[in-house]
Amino acid sequence: MTSYASDYPNVDFDAAYKKFFEDFYAISDTPDAHERYTEFFTKDATLIMASKQVKGRDEILGLRKSMWEKVSSRLHRPLQIFPFGPGTNEVMLRGTVKYGLKAGGEAGVDWAAHARMTKVDGDVKMKFYQVYLDTAAQARS
């Protein structure tokens, strides 16, 4: 079990999707893995981060880079993942993230998310990912 492992309800859920989320949050917390981060999404994916919405890998890359402008580190803890039902590719997630701020200090915030995955040539990708969080947390020390 990794530090990115989550609790799941007793619902049949594809093990590949579970591994996907563990890998996704590990890459999310890797500062220089911008291109690798985009590979977790389909080419036409929609990503909504708080009030910012982007579509496609090029726009996701731009958003990803901007998310690292004020932070030097991130540590996601995806606490629980709730599949919508047996055999589904859609989930709700709940977790926390701790930021190391470039201006000094740390901040943390609870978050929730909605994700829809698909398999492309056998690899799991996110087609839709919306994160709900307090973006002001990065500005606080």
Protein backbone atom coordinates (compact mmCIF):
# COMPACT_ATOMS: atom_id res chain seq x y z
CA MET A 1 0.00 0.00 0.00
CA THR A 2 1.37 3.43 -0.94
CA SER A 3 0.83 6.74 0.79
CA TYR A 4 -1.54 7.53 -2.08
CA ALA A 5 -3.82 4.54 -1.41
CA SER A 6 -7.46 5.37 -0.65
CA ASP A 7 -10.33 3.73 1.17
CA TYR A 8 -13.17 2.43 -1.02
CA PRO A 9 -16.67 1.27 -0.16
CA ASN A 10 -17.45 -2.40 -0.70
CA VAL A 11 -18.24 -1.98 -4.40
CA ASP A 12 -16.70 -3.86 -7.33
CA PHE A 13 -14.19 -1.36 -8.78
CA ASP A 14 -11.53 -2.06 -11.41
CA ALA A 15 -8.08 -2.48 -9.81
CA ALA A 16 -6.57 -0.59 -12.77
CA TYR A 17 -8.58 2.48 -11.74
CA LYS A 18 -7.34 2.18 -8.15
CA LYS A 19 -3.71 2.02 -9.34
CA PHE A 20 -4.38 4.93 -11.69
CA PHE A 21 -5.31 7.21 -8.81
CA GLU A 22 -2.26 6.19 -6.75
CA ASP A 23 0.01 6.97 -9.70
CA PHE A 24 -1.87 10.17 -10.57
CA TYR A 25 -1.48 11.73 -7.14
CA ALA A 26 2.19 10.73 -6.96
CA ILE A 27 2.79 12.58 -10.25
CA SER A 28 0.60 15.47 -9.08
CA ASP A 29 3.07 15.94 -6.22
CA THR A 30 6.16 15.81 -8.46
CA PRO A 31 7.13 19.42 -9.29
CA ASP A 32 8.88 18.84 -12.63
CA ALA A 33 6.51 16.20 -14.05
CA HIS A 34 4.32 18.61 -16.05
CA GLU A 35 4.28 16.60 -19.29
CA ARG A 36 3.82 13.31 -17.45
CA TYR A 37 0.84 14.81 -15.58
CA THR A 38 -0.94 15.55 -18.87
CA GLU A 39 -0.55 11.91 -19.94
CA PHE A 40 -3.06 10.92 -17.26
CA PHE A 41 -5.77 12.65 -19.32
CA THR A 42 -7.34 11.87 -22.68
CA LYS A 43 -6.32 14.23 -25.49
CA ASP A 44 -9.70 16.01 -25.28
CA ALA A 45 -10.17 15.84 -21.50
CA THR A 46 -11.85 18.56 -19.47
CA LEU A 47 -10.15 19.66 -16.25
CA ILE A 48 -11.86 22.05 -13.86
CA MET A 49 -9.74 23.22 -10.94
CA ALA A 50 -11.87 25.37 -8.66
CA SER A 51 -13.04 28.17 -11.00
CA LYS A 52 -10.57 27.46 -13.85
CA GLN A 53 -11.70 25.22 -16.71
CA VAL A 54 -9.42 23.92 -19.46
CA LYS A 55 -9.85 21.40 -22.27
CA GLY A 56 -7.23 19.26 -23.97
CA ARG A 57 -3.69 18.40 -22.99
CA ASP A 58 -2.13 21.70 -24.09
CA GLU A 59 -4.45 23.71 -21.85
CA ILE A 60 -4.05 21.16 -19.03
CA LEU A 61 -0.27 21.61 -19.31
CA GLY A 62 -0.64 25.39 -18.94
CA LEU A 63 -2.88 25.02 -15.91
CA ARG A 64 -0.56 22.44 -14.37
CA LYS A 65 2.44 24.80 -14.68
CA SER A 66 0.45 27.68 -13.15
CA MET A 67 -0.49 25.47 -10.18
CA TRP A 68 3.22 25.28 -9.27
CA GLU A 69 3.95 29.03 -9.52
CA LYS A 70 3.46 29.75 -5.78
CA VAL A 71 4.15 26.34 -4.27
CA SER A 72 7.41 24.45 -3.84
CA SER A 73 5.82 21.17 -2.75
CA ARG A 74 2.50 19.36 -2.57
CA LEU A 75 1.40 16.32 -0.66
CA HIS A 76 -1.96 14.88 -1.64
CA ARG A 77 -3.79 12.42 0.57
CA PRO A 78 -6.71 10.94 -1.38
CA LEU A 79 -8.59 9.62 1.65
CA GLN A 80 -11.68 8.08 0.10
CA ILE A 81 -12.84 7.25 -3.40
CA PHE A 82 -16.50 6.47 -4.01
CA PRO A 83 -17.35 4.62 -7.26
CA PHE A 84 -20.84 5.41 -8.59
CA GLY A 85 -21.68 1.69 -8.63
CA PRO A 86 -20.35 -1.74 -9.53
CA GLY A 87 -18.22 -1.77 -12.67
CA THR A 88 -18.38 2.03 -13.08
CA ASN A 89 -15.74 4.34 -14.51
CA GLU A 90 -16.99 7.36 -12.53
CA VAL A 91 -16.09 8.36 -8.97
CA MET A 92 -16.28 11.05 -6.32
CA LEU A 93 -13.15 11.60 -4.25
CA ARG A 94 -12.32 13.24 -0.93
CA GLY A 95 -8.89 14.17 0.34
CA THR A 96 -6.44 16.71 1.67
CA VAL A 97 -3.43 18.47 0.21
CA LYS A 98 -0.58 20.20 2.01
CA TYR A 99 1.40 22.90 0.20
CA GLY A 100 4.93 24.13 0.85
CA LEU A 101 4.80 27.78 -0.19
CA LYS A 102 7.63 29.47 -2.09
CA ALA A 103 7.04 32.58 0.02
CA GLY A 104 7.62 30.46 3.11
CA GLY A 105 5.37 28.45 5.37
CA GLU A 106 2.82 25.80 4.62
CA ALA A 107 -0.88 25.65 3.89
CA GLY A 108 -3.34 22.83 3.65
CA VAL A 109 -6.83 22.35 2.33
CA ASP A 110 -9.53 19.72 2.08
CA TRP A 111 -10.71 18.94 -1.44
CA ALA A 112 -13.34 16.91 -3.24
CA ALA A 113 -13.40 15.84 -6.87
CA HIS A 114 -15.49 14.18 -9.55
CA ALA A 115 -13.72 12.03 -12.14
CA ARG A 116 -14.70 9.99 -15.21
CA MET A 117 -12.12 7.59 -16.61
CA THR A 118 -11.80 5.60 -19.79
CA LYS A 119 -9.31 3.11 -21.17
CA VAL A 120 -7.25 4.11 -24.20
CA ASP A 121 -5.22 1.28 -25.71
CA GLY A 122 -5.48 -0.50 -22.36
CA ASP A 123 -4.26 2.50 -20.31
CA VAL A 124 -6.55 4.31 -17.88
CA LYS A 125 -7.03 8.01 -18.64
CA MET A 126 -9.25 10.70 -17.18
CA LYS A 127 -11.80 12.14 -19.56
CA PHE A 128 -13.23 14.55 -16.98
CA TYR A 129 -11.82 15.79 -13.67
CA GLN A 130 -13.33 18.53 -11.52
CA VAL A 131 -11.74 19.54 -8.23
CA TYR A 132 -13.53 21.52 -5.55
CA LEU A 133 -11.19 23.36 -3.16
CA ASP A 134 -10.42 26.69 -1.51
CA THR A 135 -7.82 28.25 -3.80
CA ALA A 136 -7.01 30.94 -1.23
CA ALA A 137 -5.18 28.29 0.81
CA GLN A 138 -2.05 28.71 -1.32
CA ALA A 139 -1.95 32.40 -0.45
CA ARG A 140 -2.13 31.79 3.30
CA SER A 141 0.90 30.95 5.34
